[in-house]
Amino acid sequence: MANLLTAARVLLIFVVIAVWSRDRVVENVWLDIAMVPLLAWAIFMDALDGWAARRWNEESKAGALFDIAGDRIVELALWTFFAVRRDASGEPFVPYWVPLVIITRTVLTDLIRSVAFGAGKTAFGADGMQSSWWARQLTTSRWSRATYGILKAVCFCALGLLLAWPYVHPSSEMGRVARLAVDVLVYVTMVFAVVRAIPVFWEGRLYLGALRNPNAKSPLPRSEGL
């Protein structure tokens, strides 16, 4: 059930992007606006699939990896879409360098996590790779994950409203204020994403160091001796 919800969430995002990317020979404002709550629901399903995994005892390392993969597809697809999509004035909704930063951050953190996974460590949970208190707080704690999830949800839905609502024109006063507010959301979300990756980079050096030195001991969580 949890994996089906993850797959459904990804498919919903593809539907939203397809609708917003269509050739608008015939304008349908309400169809565009309807995609915003659908986008919000697809993002909310990230919490729903985790609940389903616990409810039906489907929690597993493979399921956690599939959930992370779904998160990555949704997030990177949306950042890329809003970077290539342009508003009425011809400007992209998101600067091109924002998805470049997010993609780089994502690839590097997943590289480190894949190495840690080979040592028996997961991204989250009891077997999580973060061993220090500050790393767990920034990366795996409930408040950190919830804050990042809420930021992404609000940011992507705000971008969707900016795209779908025809009266928010960039040249109008309302359009300028709305665009400024959304830009702030984009930058705050991006900065928070990078900050959350810092503990992964810091503690990941132990796992990468073990790869460079095959004779070195594999990193162990603090409760096992460090």
Protein backbone atom coordinates (compact mmCIF):
# COMPACT_ATOMS: atom_id res chain seq x y z
CA MET A 1 0.00 0.00 0.00
CA ALA A 2 2.75 2.48 0.95
CA ASN A 3 4.64 1.87 -2.30
CA LEU A 4 1.42 2.28 -4.30
CA LEU A 5 0.83 5.65 -2.62
CA THR A 6 4.38 6.72 -3.48
CA ALA A 7 3.89 5.71 -7.13
CA ALA A 8 0.50 7.48 -7.24
CA ARG A 9 2.08 10.64 -5.84
CA VAL A 10 4.67 10.69 -8.62
CA LEU A 11 2.02 10.08 -11.29
CA LEU A 12 -0.10 12.94 -9.92
CA ILE A 13 2.83 15.32 -10.21
CA PHE A 14 3.35 14.23 -13.82
CA VAL A 15 -0.34 14.96 -14.49
CA VAL A 16 -0.06 18.43 -12.95
CA ILE A 17 3.05 19.25 -14.98
CA ALA A 18 1.46 17.90 -18.17
CA VAL A 19 -1.61 20.10 -17.71
CA TRP A 20 0.45 23.21 -17.02
CA SER A 21 2.74 22.43 -19.97
CA ARG A 22 -0.02 21.93 -22.55
CA ASP A 23 -0.28 23.99 -25.71
CA ARG A 24 -2.87 26.54 -24.63
CA VAL A 25 -4.76 26.97 -27.87
CA VAL A 26 -7.89 27.04 -25.75
CA GLU A 27 -7.36 28.70 -22.36
CA ASN A 28 -8.90 27.01 -19.34
CA VAL A 29 -8.13 29.06 -16.27
CA TRP A 30 -10.10 26.87 -13.89
CA LEU A 31 -8.29 23.74 -15.04
CA ASP A 32 -4.97 25.43 -14.30
CA ILE A 33 -6.15 26.58 -10.87
CA ALA A 34 -7.56 23.11 -10.11
CA MET A 35 -4.06 21.71 -10.44
CA VAL A 36 -2.91 23.66 -7.36
CA PRO A 37 -4.93 21.66 -4.78
CA LEU A 38 -4.03 18.50 -6.72
CA LEU A 39 -0.38 19.45 -6.36
CA ALA A 40 -0.90 20.10 -2.62
CA TRP A 41 -2.54 16.68 -2.23
CA ALA A 42 0.31 14.95 -4.06
CA ILE A 43 2.82 16.59 -1.73
CA PHE A 44 0.72 15.69 1.33
CA MET A 45 0.79 12.05 0.20
CA ASP A 46 4.46 12.00 1.22
CA ALA A 47 3.25 11.87 4.84
CA LEU A 48 0.41 9.53 3.94
CA ASP A 49 2.64 6.79 2.52
CA GLY A 50 4.76 6.84 5.68
CA TRP A 51 1.61 6.46 7.78
CA ALA A 52 0.45 3.59 5.57
CA ALA A 53 3.78 1.81 5.97
CA ARG A 54 3.45 1.96 9.76
CA ARG A 55 -0.26 1.12 9.74
CA TRP A 56 0.14 -2.06 7.69
CA ASN A 57 3.59 -3.00 9.01
CA GLU A 58 5.24 -2.43 5.64
CA GLU A 59 8.27 -0.55 6.94
CA SER A 60 11.46 -1.80 5.31
CA LYS A 61 14.76 -0.47 3.99
CA ALA A 62 13.59 -1.09 0.41
CA GLY A 63 10.38 0.83 1.09
CA ALA A 64 12.34 3.71 2.62
CA LEU A 65 14.56 3.87 -0.47
CA PHE A 66 11.51 3.84 -2.75
CA ASP A 67 9.95 6.65 -0.72
CA ILE A 68 13.13 8.73 -1.01
CA ALA A 69 13.24 8.07 -4.76
CA GLY A 70 9.63 9.29 -5.05
CA ASP A 71 10.50 12.43 -3.08
CA ARG A 72 13.44 13.10 -5.38
CA ILE A 73 11.40 12.69 -8.57
CA VAL A 74 8.64 14.98 -7.31
CA GLU A 75 10.97 17.67 -6.02
CA LEU A 76 13.40 17.75 -8.95
CA ALA A 77 10.62 17.56 -11.54
CA LEU A 78 8.86 20.58 -10.01
CA TRP A 79 12.01 22.68 -9.59
CA THR A 80 13.01 21.96 -13.19
CA PHE A 81 9.53 22.66 -14.54
CA PHE A 82 9.26 26.06 -12.85
CA ALA A 83 12.78 26.94 -14.03
CA VAL A 84 11.92 26.34 -17.70
CA ARG A 85 8.37 27.72 -17.53
CA ARG A 86 8.12 31.48 -18.16
CA ASP A 87 5.60 34.02 -16.95
CA ALA A 88 3.75 36.62 -19.01
CA SER A 89 6.82 38.90 -19.03
CA GLY A 90 9.08 36.14 -20.34
CA GLU A 91 10.93 35.53 -17.05
CA PRO A 92 11.28 32.01 -15.62
CA PHE A 93 9.28 31.41 -12.46
CA VAL A 94 12.43 30.09 -10.78
CA PRO A 95 16.03 31.15 -11.66
CA TYR A 96 17.83 28.34 -13.52
CA TRP A 97 20.54 28.13 -10.87
CA VAL A 98 18.04 27.13 -8.16
CA PRO A 99 17.37 23.64 -9.61
CA LEU A 100 21.11 23.35 -10.31
CA VAL A 101 21.84 23.87 -6.61
CA ILE A 102 19.06 21.48 -5.57
CA ILE A 103 20.13 18.80 -8.09
CA THR A 104 23.76 19.03 -6.98
CA ARG A 105 22.75 18.83 -3.32
CA THR A 106 20.47 15.86 -4.04
CA VAL A 107 23.00 13.87 -6.06
CA LEU A 108 25.76 14.36 -3.48
CA THR A 109 23.61 13.48 -0.46
CA ASP A 110 22.21 10.40 -2.20
CA LEU A 111 25.74 9.35 -3.17
CA ILE A 112 26.82 9.51 0.46
CA ARG A 113 23.66 7.77 1.65
CA SER A 114 24.14 4.96 -0.86
CA VAL A 115 27.64 4.37 0.50
CA ALA A 116 26.27 4.44 4.06
CA PHE A 117 23.51 2.04 3.02
CA GLY A 118 26.22 -0.43 2.00
CA ALA A 119 27.47 -0.21 5.59
CA GLY A 120 23.99 -1.01 6.92
CA LYS A 121 22.86 2.57 7.56
CA THR A 122 19.65 4.17 6.36
CA ALA A 123 18.82 7.82 5.74
CA PHE A 124 16.33 7.93 8.63
CA GLY A 125 15.13 5.79 11.50
CA ALA A 126 16.86 3.68 14.11
CA ASP A 127 19.63 2.71 11.70
CA GLY A 128 20.13 6.27 10.44
CA MET A 129 23.62 7.31 9.42
CA GLN A 130 23.59 10.50 11.55
CA SER A 131 25.33 9.73 14.85
CA SER A 132 25.66 13.18 16.45
CA TRP A 133 22.82 15.12 18.11
CA TRP A 134 23.18 18.22 15.93
CA ALA A 135 23.18 16.14 12.74
CA ARG A 136 20.02 14.30 13.75
CA GLN A 137 18.33 17.58 14.67
CA LEU A 138 19.10 19.23 11.33
CA THR A 139 18.46 16.25 9.09
CA THR A 140 16.29 13.50 10.56
CA SER A 141 14.30 15.13 13.39
CA ARG A 142 10.55 15.50 12.98
CA TRP A 143 10.67 19.28 13.15
CA SER A 144 13.32 19.47 10.43
CA ARG A 145 11.57 17.08 8.08
CA ALA A 146 8.19 18.69 8.74
CA THR A 147 9.55 22.21 8.21
CA TYR A 148 11.18 21.25 4.92
CA GLY A 149 8.04 19.45 3.76
CA ILE A 150 5.85 22.45 4.59
CA LEU A 151 8.26 24.85 2.92
CA LYS A 152 8.28 22.80 -0.28
CA ALA A 153 4.49 22.44 -0.25
CA VAL A 154 3.86 26.16 0.25
CA CYS A 155 6.57 27.13 -2.24
CA PHE A 156 5.39 24.85 -5.05
CA CYS A 157 1.72 25.71 -4.50
CA ALA A 158 2.56 29.43 -4.52
CA LEU A 159 4.46 28.98 -7.77
CA GLY A 160 1.47 27.08 -9.15
CA LEU A 161 -0.90 29.90 -8.22
CA LEU A 162 1.43 32.42 -9.80
CA LEU A 163 1.37 30.37 -13.00
CA ALA A 164 -2.34 29.55 -13.02
CA TRP A 165 -3.98 32.79 -11.89
CA PRO A 166 -4.36 35.03 -14.95
CA TYR A 167 -4.83 38.31 -13.08
CA VAL A 168 -1.48 38.22 -11.29
CA HIS A 169 0.45 39.89 -14.10
CA PRO A 170 4.13 40.71 -13.40
CA SER A 171 3.66 44.30 -14.58
CA SER A 172 0.89 45.07 -12.07
CA GLU A 173 1.47 46.12 -8.47
CA MET A 174 -0.26 42.98 -7.22
CA GLY A 175 1.86 40.89 -9.57
CA ARG A 176 5.12 42.44 -8.35
CA VAL A 177 4.23 41.88 -4.69
CA ALA A 178 3.14 38.29 -5.36
CA ARG A 179 6.31 37.60 -7.34
CA LEU A 180 8.52 39.04 -4.59
CA ALA A 181 6.78 36.92 -1.93
CA VAL A 182 7.19 33.77 -4.02
CA ASP A 183 10.85 34.58 -4.72
CA VAL A 184 11.47 34.83 -0.97
CA LEU A 185 9.79 31.44 -0.48
CA VAL A 186 11.95 29.90 -3.21
CA TYR A 187 15.20 31.18 -1.69
CA VAL A 188 14.25 30.23 1.87
CA THR A 189 13.34 26.71 0.75
CA MET A 190 16.56 26.35 -1.21
CA VAL A 191 18.74 27.59 1.68
CA PHE A 192 17.01 25.28 4.14
CA ALA A 193 17.56 22.34 1.77
CA VAL A 194 21.29 23.09 1.65
CA VAL A 195 21.52 23.53 5.44
CA ARG A 196 19.85 20.15 5.98
CA ALA A 197 22.46 18.55 3.70
CA ILE A 198 25.45 19.83 5.71
CA PRO A 199 25.30 17.03 8.36
CA VAL A 200 25.12 14.42 5.59
CA PHE A 201 28.26 15.85 3.98
CA TRP A 202 30.04 16.13 7.34
CA GLU A 203 29.34 12.66 8.67
CA GLY A 204 29.44 11.13 5.20
CA ARG A 205 33.17 11.79 5.07
CA LEU A 206 33.62 8.81 7.40
CA TYR A 207 31.94 6.44 4.98
CA LEU A 208 33.74 7.86 1.97
CA GLY A 209 37.02 7.64 3.89
CA ALA A 210 36.36 3.96 4.55
CA LEU A 211 36.02 3.44 0.80
CA ARG A 212 39.38 5.09 0.14
CA ASN A 213 41.02 3.01 2.87
CA PRO A 214 39.73 -0.59 2.74
CA ASN A 215 41.63 -1.43 5.94
CA ALA A 216 39.85 1.28 7.95
CA LYS A 217 36.99 0.37 10.26
CA SER A 218 33.48 1.10 9.02
CA PRO A 219 31.92 4.09 10.80
CA LEU A 220 29.77 3.10 13.74
CA PRO A 221 26.97 5.08 15.39
CA ARG A 222 27.80 6.66 18.72
CA SER A 223 25.81 4.06 20.64
CA GLU A 224 28.13 1.39 19.28
CA GLY A 225 31.36 2.99 20.35
CA LEU A 226 31.93 6.42 18.83
